[in-house]
Amino acid sequence: MSNKDIAISFLQDAAAGKVDAAYSKVAPNFRHHNPHFPGDADSLKAGMAQAAAMFPNTTHEVQHVFEDGDLVAVHSRVQHAPN
């Protein structure tokens, strides 16, 4: 699996509420760029678990993915509810 594929799978699992499964696919010390959480993996995991509990019908649609060596950026659309 490429880093790009791992990143996409990680985000799809997290959006589906499978946060532990998502985190089993990535390095434990990864950094992210979500501005709503500190940059460490544990803070993001806690936020993803909370969002999964609050919004069980979340959908995740990948728009663009960029990979350069070990760096991956995913531009995606997350929708927590149909409206």
PDB file of N, CA and C in Angstrom:
ATOM      1  N   MET A   1       0.841  -1.183   0.000  1.00  0.00           N
ATOM      2  CA  MET A   1       0.000   0.000   0.000  1.00  0.00           C
ATOM      3  C   MET A   1       0.887   1.248   0.000  1.00  0.00           C
ATOM      4  N   SER A   2       0.566   2.198  -0.836  1.00  0.00           N
ATOM      5  CA  SER A   2       1.322   3.448  -0.861  1.00  0.00           C
ATOM      6  C   SER A   2       0.910   4.331   0.318  1.00  0.00           C
ATOM      7  N   ASN A   3       1.728   5.319   0.630  1.00  0.00           N
ATOM      8  CA  ASN A   3       1.363   6.261   1.689  1.00  0.00           C
ATOM      9  C   ASN A   3       0.055   6.961   1.360  1.00  0.00           C
ATOM     10  N   LYS A   4      -0.162   7.235   0.088  1.00  0.00           N
ATOM     11  CA  LYS A   4      -1.409   7.867  -0.350  1.00  0.00           C
ATOM     12  C   LYS A   4      -2.600   6.964  -0.034  1.00  0.00           C
ATOM     13  N   ASP A   5      -2.486   5.675  -0.353  1.00  0.00           N
ATOM     14  CA  ASP A   5      -3.566   4.724  -0.085  1.00  0.00           C
ATOM     15  C   ASP A   5      -3.822   4.582   1.414  1.00  0.00           C
ATOM     16  N   ILE A   6      -2.748   4.580   2.200  1.00  0.00           N
ATOM     17  CA  ILE A   6      -2.883   4.473   3.655  1.00  0.00           C
ATOM     18  C   ILE A   6      -3.621   5.687   4.206  1.00  0.00           C
ATOM     19  N   ALA A   7      -3.269   6.877   3.718  1.00  0.00           N
ATOM     20  CA  ALA A   7      -3.924   8.099   4.195  1.00  0.00           C
ATOM     21  C   ALA A   7      -5.410   8.096   3.867  1.00  0.00           C
ATOM     22  N   ILE A   8      -5.751   7.690   2.663  1.00  0.00           N
ATOM     23  CA  ILE A   8      -7.164   7.635   2.258  1.00  0.00           C
ATOM     24  C   ILE A   8      -7.916   6.623   3.113  1.00  0.00           C
ATOM     25  N   SER A   9      -7.344   5.443   3.294  1.00  0.00           N
ATOM     26  CA  SER A   9      -7.984   4.403   4.097  1.00  0.00           C
ATOM     27  C   SER A   9      -8.158   4.860   5.547  1.00  0.00           C
ATOM     28  N   PHE A  10      -7.154   5.532   6.073  1.00  0.00           N
ATOM     29  CA  PHE A  10      -7.208   6.076   7.429  1.00  0.00           C
ATOM     30  C   PHE A  10      -8.403   7.017   7.579  1.00  0.00           C
ATOM     31  N   LEU A  11      -8.545   7.964   6.659  1.00  0.00           N
ATOM     32  CA  LEU A  11      -9.630   8.936   6.741  1.00  0.00           C
ATOM     33  C   LEU A  11     -10.999   8.295   6.526  1.00  0.00           C
ATOM     34  N   GLN A  12     -11.084   7.328   5.622  1.00  0.00           N
ATOM     35  CA  GLN A  12     -12.365   6.653   5.393  1.00  0.00           C
ATOM     36  C   GLN A  12     -12.788   5.851   6.625  1.00  0.00           C
ATOM     37  N   ASP A  13     -11.834   5.147   7.238  1.00  0.00           N
ATOM     38  CA  ASP A  13     -12.156   4.403   8.461  1.00  0.00           C
ATOM     39  C   ASP A  13     -12.585   5.346   9.578  1.00  0.00           C
ATOM     40  N   ALA A  14     -11.842   6.431   9.757  1.00  0.00           N
ATOM     41  CA  ALA A  14     -12.183   7.382  10.821  1.00  0.00           C
ATOM     42  C   ALA A  14     -13.567   7.969  10.600  1.00  0.00           C
ATOM     43  N   ALA A  15     -13.897   8.334   9.374  1.00  0.00           N
ATOM     44  CA  ALA A  15     -15.215   8.897   9.073  1.00  0.00           C
ATOM     45  C   ALA A  15     -16.324   7.883   9.310  1.00  0.00           C
ATOM     46  N   ALA A  16     -16.006   6.600   9.127  1.00  0.00           N
ATOM     47  CA  ALA A  16     -16.992   5.535   9.340  1.00  0.00           C
ATOM     48  C   ALA A  16     -17.096   5.141  10.812  1.00  0.00           C
ATOM     49  N   GLY A  17     -16.364   5.832  11.681  1.00  0.00           N
ATOM     50  CA  GLY A  17     -16.417   5.528  13.114  1.00  0.00           C
ATOM     51  C   GLY A  17     -15.465   4.434  13.548  1.00  0.00           C
ATOM     52  N   LYS A  18     -14.612   3.967  12.656  1.00  0.00           N
ATOM     53  CA  LYS A  18     -13.642   2.905  12.964  1.00  0.00           C
ATOM     54  C   LYS A  18     -12.293   3.547  13.291  1.00  0.00           C
ATOM     55  N   VAL A  19     -12.277   4.352  14.346  1.00  0.00           N
ATOM     56  CA  VAL A  19     -11.101   5.150  14.678  1.00  0.00           C
ATOM     57  C   VAL A  19      -9.914   4.269  15.065  1.00  0.00           C
ATOM     58  N   ASP A  20     -10.139   3.241  15.877  1.00  0.00           N
ATOM     59  CA  ASP A  20      -9.028   2.355  16.255  1.00  0.00           C
ATOM     60  C   ASP A  20      -8.457   1.638  15.042  1.00  0.00           C
ATOM     61  N   ALA A  21      -9.313   1.185  14.137  1.00  0.00           N
ATOM     62  CA  ALA A  21      -8.843   0.531  12.905  1.00  0.00           C
ATOM     63  C   ALA A  21      -8.043   1.519  12.064  1.00  0.00           C
ATOM     64  N   ALA A  22      -8.501   2.751  11.996  1.00  0.00           N
ATOM     65  CA  ALA A  22      -7.786   3.777  11.236  1.00  0.00           C
ATOM     66  C   ALA A  22      -6.379   3.965  11.788  1.00  0.00           C
ATOM     67  N   TYR A  23      -6.276   4.074  13.093  1.00  0.00           N
ATOM     68  CA  TYR A  23      -4.981   4.331  13.720  1.00  0.00           C
ATOM     69  C   TYR A  23      -4.046   3.126  13.664  1.00  0.00           C
ATOM     70  N   SER A  24      -4.579   1.944  13.437  1.00  0.00           N
ATOM     71  CA  SER A  24      -3.717   0.765  13.314  1.00  0.00           C
ATOM     72  C   SER A  24      -2.949   0.781  11.993  1.00  0.00           C
ATOM     73  N   LYS A  25      -3.319   1.670  11.077  1.00  0.00           N
ATOM     74  CA  LYS A  25      -2.712   1.729   9.739  1.00  0.00           C
ATOM     75  C   LYS A  25      -1.598   2.751   9.612  1.00  0.00           C
ATOM     76  N   VAL A  26      -1.465   3.637  10.585  1.00  0.00           N
ATOM     77  CA  VAL A  26      -0.519   4.746  10.457  1.00  0.00           C
ATOM     78  C   VAL A  26       0.536   4.702  11.560  1.00  0.00           C
ATOM     79  N   ALA A  27       1.633   5.406  11.327  1.00  0.00           N
ATOM     80  CA  ALA A  27       2.691   5.503  12.337  1.00  0.00           C
ATOM     81  C   ALA A  27       2.144   6.217  13.567  1.00  0.00           C
ATOM     82  N   PRO A  28       2.480   5.755  14.756  1.00  0.00           N
ATOM     83  CA  PRO A  28       1.907   6.335  15.980  1.00  0.00           C
ATOM     84  C   PRO A  28       2.327   7.784  16.228  1.00  0.00           C
ATOM     85  N   ASN A  29       3.370   8.254  15.587  1.00  0.00           N
ATOM     86  CA  ASN A  29       3.854   9.611  15.841  1.00  0.00           C
ATOM     87  C   ASN A  29       3.618  10.543  14.650  1.00  0.00           C
ATOM     88  N   PHE A  30       2.610  10.219  13.809  1.00  0.00           N
ATOM     89  CA  PHE A  30       2.369  11.062  12.640  1.00  0.00           C
ATOM     90  C   PHE A  30       1.908  12.448  13.064  1.00  0.00           C
ATOM     91  N   ARG A  31       2.078  13.408  12.167  1.00  0.00           N
ATOM     92  CA  ARG A  31       1.607  14.776  12.386  1.00  0.00           C
ATOM     93  C   ARG A  31       0.494  15.060  11.393  1.00  0.00           C
ATOM     94  N   HIS A  32      -0.427  15.903  11.753  1.00  0.00           N
ATOM     95  CA  HIS A  32      -1.551  16.229  10.869  1.00  0.00           C
ATOM     96  C   HIS A  32      -1.693  17.739  10.768  1.00  0.00           C
ATOM     97  N   HIS A  33      -2.578  18.175   9.894  1.00  0.00           N
ATOM     98  CA  HIS A  33      -2.766  19.605   9.666  1.00  0.00           C
ATOM     99  C   HIS A  33      -4.182  20.084   9.965  1.00  0.00           C
ATOM    100  N   ASN A  34      -4.944  19.303  10.727  1.00  0.00           N
ATOM    101  CA  ASN A  34      -6.298  19.733  11.084  1.00  0.00           C
ATOM    102  C   ASN A  34      -6.193  20.904  12.069  1.00  0.00           C
ATOM    103  N   PRO A  35      -6.668  22.083  11.694  1.00  0.00           N
ATOM    104  CA  PRO A  35      -6.493  23.258  12.546  1.00  0.00           C
ATOM    105  C   PRO A  35      -7.329  23.238  13.826  1.00  0.00           C
ATOM    106  N   HIS A  36      -8.228  22.281  13.970  1.00  0.00           N
ATOM    107  CA  HIS A  36      -9.100  22.234  15.141  1.00  0.00           C
ATOM    108  C   HIS A  36      -8.483  21.477  16.320  1.00  0.00           C
ATOM    109  N   PHE A  37      -7.308  20.863  16.105  1.00  0.00           N
ATOM    110  CA  PHE A  37      -6.667  20.046  17.133  1.00  0.00           C
ATOM    111  C   PHE A  37      -5.169  20.312  17.139  1.00  0.00           C
ATOM    112  N   PRO A  38      -4.519  20.129  18.297  1.00  0.00           N
ATOM    113  CA  PRO A  38      -3.059  20.183  18.294  1.00  0.00           C
ATOM    114  C   PRO A  38      -2.520  19.168  17.276  1.00  0.00           C
ATOM    115  N   GLY A  39      -1.278  19.342  16.829  1.00  0.00           N
ATOM    116  CA  GLY A  39      -0.721  18.554  15.736  1.00  0.00           C
ATOM    117  C   GLY A  39      -0.362  17.116  16.027  1.00  0.00           C
ATOM    118  N   ASP A  40      -0.521  16.666  17.277  1.00  0.00           N
ATOM    119  CA  ASP A  40      -0.146  15.288  17.603  1.00  0.00           C
ATOM    120  C   ASP A  40      -1.277  14.306  17.288  1.00  0.00           C
ATOM    121  N   ALA A  41      -0.907  13.057  17.089  1.00  0.00           N
ATOM    122  CA  ALA A  41      -1.857  12.011  16.698  1.00  0.00           C
ATOM    123  C   ALA A  41      -2.903  11.740  17.781  1.00  0.00           C
ATOM    124  N   ASP A  42      -2.508  11.762  19.041  1.00  0.00           N
ATOM    125  CA  ASP A  42      -3.456  11.445  20.119  1.00  0.00           C
ATOM    126  C   ASP A  42      -4.592  12.464  20.223  1.00  0.00           C
ATOM    127  N   SER A  43      -4.272  13.737  20.028  1.00  0.00           N
ATOM    128  CA  SER A  43      -5.317  14.773  20.074  1.00  0.00           C
ATOM    129  C   SER A  43      -6.320  14.590  18.942  1.00  0.00           C
ATOM    130  N   LEU A  44      -5.801  14.295  17.758  1.00  0.00           N
ATOM    131  CA  LEU A  44      -6.698  14.065  16.631  1.00  0.00           C
ATOM    132  C   LEU A  44      -7.551  12.820  16.841  1.00  0.00           C
ATOM    133  N   LYS A  45      -6.954  11.766  17.390  1.00  0.00           N
ATOM    134  CA  LYS A  45      -7.706  10.529  17.639  1.00  0.00           C
ATOM    135  C   LYS A  45      -8.871  10.783  18.579  1.00  0.00           C
ATOM    136  N   ALA A  46      -8.633  11.536  19.639  1.00  0.00           N
ATOM    137  CA  ALA A  46      -9.708  11.853  20.592  1.00  0.00           C
ATOM    138  C   ALA A  46     -10.817  12.638  19.895  1.00  0.00           C
ATOM    139  N   GLY A  47     -10.442  13.590  19.056  1.00  0.00           N
ATOM    140  CA  GLY A  47     -11.440  14.367  18.320  1.00  0.00           C
ATOM    141  C   GLY A  47     -12.218  13.527  17.333  1.00  0.00           C
ATOM    142  N   MET A  48     -11.525  12.605  16.657  1.00  0.00           N
ATOM    143  CA  MET A  48     -12.207  11.726  15.701  1.00  0.00           C
ATOM    144  C   MET A  48     -13.175  10.785  16.413  1.00  0.00           C
ATOM    145  N   ALA A  49     -12.787  10.275  17.565  1.00  0.00           N
ATOM    146  CA  ALA A  49     -13.676   9.391  18.331  1.00  0.00           C
ATOM    147  C   ALA A  49     -14.917  10.159  18.789  1.00  0.00           C
ATOM    148  N   GLN A  50     -14.723  11.377  19.238  1.00  0.00           N
ATOM    149  CA  GLN A  50     -15.851  12.198  19.671  1.00  0.00           C
ATOM    150  C   GLN A  50     -16.779  12.496  18.490  1.00  0.00           C
ATOM    151  N   ALA A  51     -16.209  12.848  17.337  1.00  0.00           N
ATOM    152  CA  ALA A  51     -17.029  13.138  16.155  1.00  0.00           C
ATOM    153  C   ALA A  51     -17.792  11.899  15.707  1.00  0.00           C
ATOM    154  N   ALA A  52     -17.153  10.731  15.775  1.00  0.00           N
ATOM    155  CA  ALA A  52     -17.819   9.487  15.375  1.00  0.00           C
ATOM    156  C   ALA A  52     -19.032   9.210  16.266  1.00  0.00           C
ATOM    157  N   ALA A  53     -18.901   9.506  17.554  1.00  0.00           N
ATOM    158  CA  ALA A  53     -20.016   9.292  18.480  1.00  0.00           C
ATOM    159  C   ALA A  53     -21.139  10.306  18.242  1.00  0.00           C
ATOM    160  N   MET A  54     -20.773  11.532  17.948  1.00  0.00           N
ATOM    161  CA  MET A  54     -21.767  12.592  17.751  1.00  0.00           C
ATOM    162  C   MET A  54     -22.437  12.536  16.377  1.00  0.00           C
ATOM    163  N   PHE A  55     -21.689  12.063  15.372  1.00  0.00           N
ATOM    164  CA  PHE A  55     -22.171  12.080  13.990  1.00  0.00           C
ATOM    165  C   PHE A  55     -21.977  10.705  13.341  1.00  0.00           C
ATOM    166  N   PRO A  56     -22.807   9.734  13.695  1.00  0.00           N
ATOM    167  CA  PRO A  56     -22.606   8.367  13.198  1.00  0.00           C
ATOM    168  C   PRO A  56     -22.843   8.185  11.692  1.00  0.00           C
ATOM    169  N   ASN A  57     -23.438   9.157  11.039  1.00  0.00           N
ATOM    170  CA  ASN A  57     -23.726   9.034   9.600  1.00  0.00           C
ATOM    171  C   ASN A  57     -22.790   9.884   8.739  1.00  0.00           C
ATOM    172  N   THR A  58     -21.592  10.122   9.230  1.00  0.00           N
ATOM    173  CA  THR A  58     -20.616  10.931   8.508  1.00  0.00           C
ATOM    174  C   THR A  58     -20.216  10.266   7.193  1.00  0.00           C
ATOM    175  N   THR A  59     -20.072  11.091   6.154  1.00  0.00           N
ATOM    176  CA  THR A  59     -19.541  10.603   4.887  1.00  0.00           C
ATOM    177  C   THR A  59     -18.228  11.325   4.605  1.00  0.00           C
ATOM    178  N   HIS A  60     -17.364  10.663   3.861  1.00  0.00           N
ATOM    179  CA  HIS A  60     -16.049  11.212   3.518  1.00  0.00           C
ATOM    180  C   HIS A  60     -15.811  11.015   2.033  1.00  0.00           C
ATOM    181  N   GLU A  61     -15.568  12.094   1.327  1.00  0.00           N
ATOM    182  CA  GLU A  61     -15.344  12.035  -0.115  1.00  0.00           C
ATOM    183  C   GLU A  61     -14.001  12.684  -0.437  1.00  0.00           C
ATOM    184  N   VAL A  62     -13.074  11.899  -0.979  1.00  0.00           N
ATOM    185  CA  VAL A  62     -11.759  12.410  -1.353  1.00  0.00           C
ATOM    186  C   VAL A  62     -11.892  13.270  -2.601  1.00  0.00           C
ATOM    187  N   GLN A  63     -11.321  14.460  -2.541  1.00  0.00           N
ATOM    188  CA  GLN A  63     -11.311  15.374  -3.683  1.00  0.00           C
ATOM    189  C   GLN A  63      -9.973  15.290  -4.428  1.00  0.00           C
ATOM    190  N   HIS A  64      -8.869  15.422  -3.685  1.00  0.00           N
ATOM    191  CA  HIS A  64      -7.524  15.374  -4.252  1.00  0.00           C
ATOM    192  C   HIS A  64      -6.578  14.742  -3.238  1.00  0.00           C
ATOM    193  N   VAL A  65      -5.548  14.072  -3.736  1.00  0.00           N
ATOM    194  CA  VAL A  65      -4.507  13.523  -2.870  1.00  0.00           C
ATOM    195  C   VAL A  65      -3.156  13.834  -3.496  1.00  0.00           C
ATOM    196  N   PHE A  66      -2.253  14.335  -2.673  1.00  0.00           N
ATOM    197  CA  PHE A  66      -0.908  14.655  -3.133  1.00  0.00           C
ATOM    198  C   PHE A  66       0.087  13.882  -2.289  1.00  0.00           C
ATOM    199  N   GLU A  67       1.055  13.251  -2.935  1.00  0.00           N
ATOM    200  CA  GLU A  67       2.072  12.484  -2.229  1.00  0.00           C
ATOM    201  C   GLU A  67       3.440  12.908  -2.737  1.00  0.00           C
ATOM    202  N   ASP A  68       4.336  13.191  -1.797  1.00  0.00           N
ATOM    203  CA  ASP A  68       5.712  13.537  -2.123  1.00  0.00           C
ATOM    204  C   ASP A  68       6.596  12.869  -1.077  1.00  0.00           C
ATOM    205  N   GLY A  69       7.153  11.718  -1.416  1.00  0.00           N
ATOM    206  CA  GLY A  69       7.942  10.962  -0.443  1.00  0.00           C
ATOM    207  C   GLY A  69       7.070  10.505   0.708  1.00  0.00           C
ATOM    208  N   ASP A  70       7.469  10.872   1.920  1.00  0.00           N
ATOM    209  CA  ASP A  70       6.701  10.484   3.114  1.00  0.00           C
ATOM    210  C   ASP A  70       5.569  11.442   3.434  1.00  0.00           C
ATOM    211  N   LEU A  71       5.449  12.519   2.673  1.00  0.00           N
ATOM    212  CA  LEU A  71       4.407  13.510   2.935  1.00  0.00           C
ATOM    213  C   LEU A  71       3.185  13.240   2.067  1.00  0.00           C
ATOM    214  N   VAL A  72       2.013  13.277   2.707  1.00  0.00           N
ATOM    215  CA  VAL A  72       0.754  13.075   1.985  1.00  0.00           C
ATOM    216  C   VAL A  72      -0.219  14.156   2.438  1.00  0.00           C
ATOM    217  N   ALA A  73      -0.906  14.745   1.477  1.00  0.00           N
ATOM    218  CA  ALA A  73      -1.959  15.712   1.785  1.00  0.00           C
ATOM    219  C   ALA A  73      -3.243  15.235   1.104  1.00  0.00           C
ATOM    220  N   VAL A  74      -4.318  15.204   1.878  1.00  0.00           N
ATOM    221  CA  VAL A  74      -5.614  14.775   1.351  1.00  0.00           C
ATOM    222  C   VAL A  74      -6.588  15.937   1.485  1.00  0.00           C
ATOM    223  N   HIS A  75      -7.146  16.342   0.370  1.00  0.00           N
ATOM    224  CA  HIS A  75      -8.209  17.342   0.357  1.00  0.00           C
ATOM    225  C   HIS A  75      -9.504  16.547   0.223  1.00  0.00           C
ATOM    226  N   SER A  76     -10.352  16.644   1.225  1.00  0.00           N
ATOM    227  CA  SER A  76     -11.578  15.841   1.190  1.00  0.00           C
ATOM    228  C   SER A  76     -12.749  16.632   1.723  1.00  0.00           C
ATOM    229  N   ARG A  77     -13.915  16.111   1.450  1.00  0.00           N
ATOM    230  CA  ARG A  77     -15.160  16.701   1.925  1.00  0.00           C
ATOM    231  C   ARG A  77     -15.757  15.746   2.957  1.00  0.00           C
ATOM    232  N   VAL A  78     -15.989  16.275   4.136  1.00  0.00           N
ATOM    233  CA  VAL A  78     -16.592  15.494   5.211  1.00  0.00           C
ATOM    234  C   VAL A  78     -17.960  16.097   5.486  1.00  0.00           C
ATOM    235  N   GLN A  79     -18.963  15.257   5.511  1.00  0.00           N
ATOM    236  CA  GLN A  79     -20.322  15.712   5.780  1.00  0.00           C
ATOM    237  C   GLN A  79     -20.860  14.891   6.944  1.00  0.00           C
ATOM    238  N   HIS A  80     -21.192  15.585   8.033  1.00  0.00           N
ATOM    239  CA  HIS A  80     -21.656  14.898   9.235  1.00  0.00           C
ATOM    240  C   HIS A  80     -23.142  14.558   9.206  1.00  0.00           C
ATOM    241  N   ALA A  81     -23.897  15.254   8.385  1.00  0.00           N
ATOM    242  CA  ALA A  81     -25.347  15.016   8.280  1.00  0.00           C
ATOM    243  C   ALA A  81     -25.791  15.355   6.862  1.00  0.00           C
ATOM    244  N   PRO A  82     -26.896  14.788   6.410  1.00  0.00           N
ATOM    245  CA  PRO A  82     -27.360  15.030   5.042  1.00  0.00           C
ATOM    246  C   PRO A  82     -27.611  16.499   4.722  1.00  0.00           C
ATOM    247  N   ASN A  83     -27.961  17.293   5.702  1.00  0.00           N
ATOM    248  CA  ASN A  83     -28.278  18.694   5.441  1.00  0.00           C
ATOM    249  C   ASN A  83     -27.073  19.575   5.704  1.00  0.00           C
TER     250      ASN A  83
END
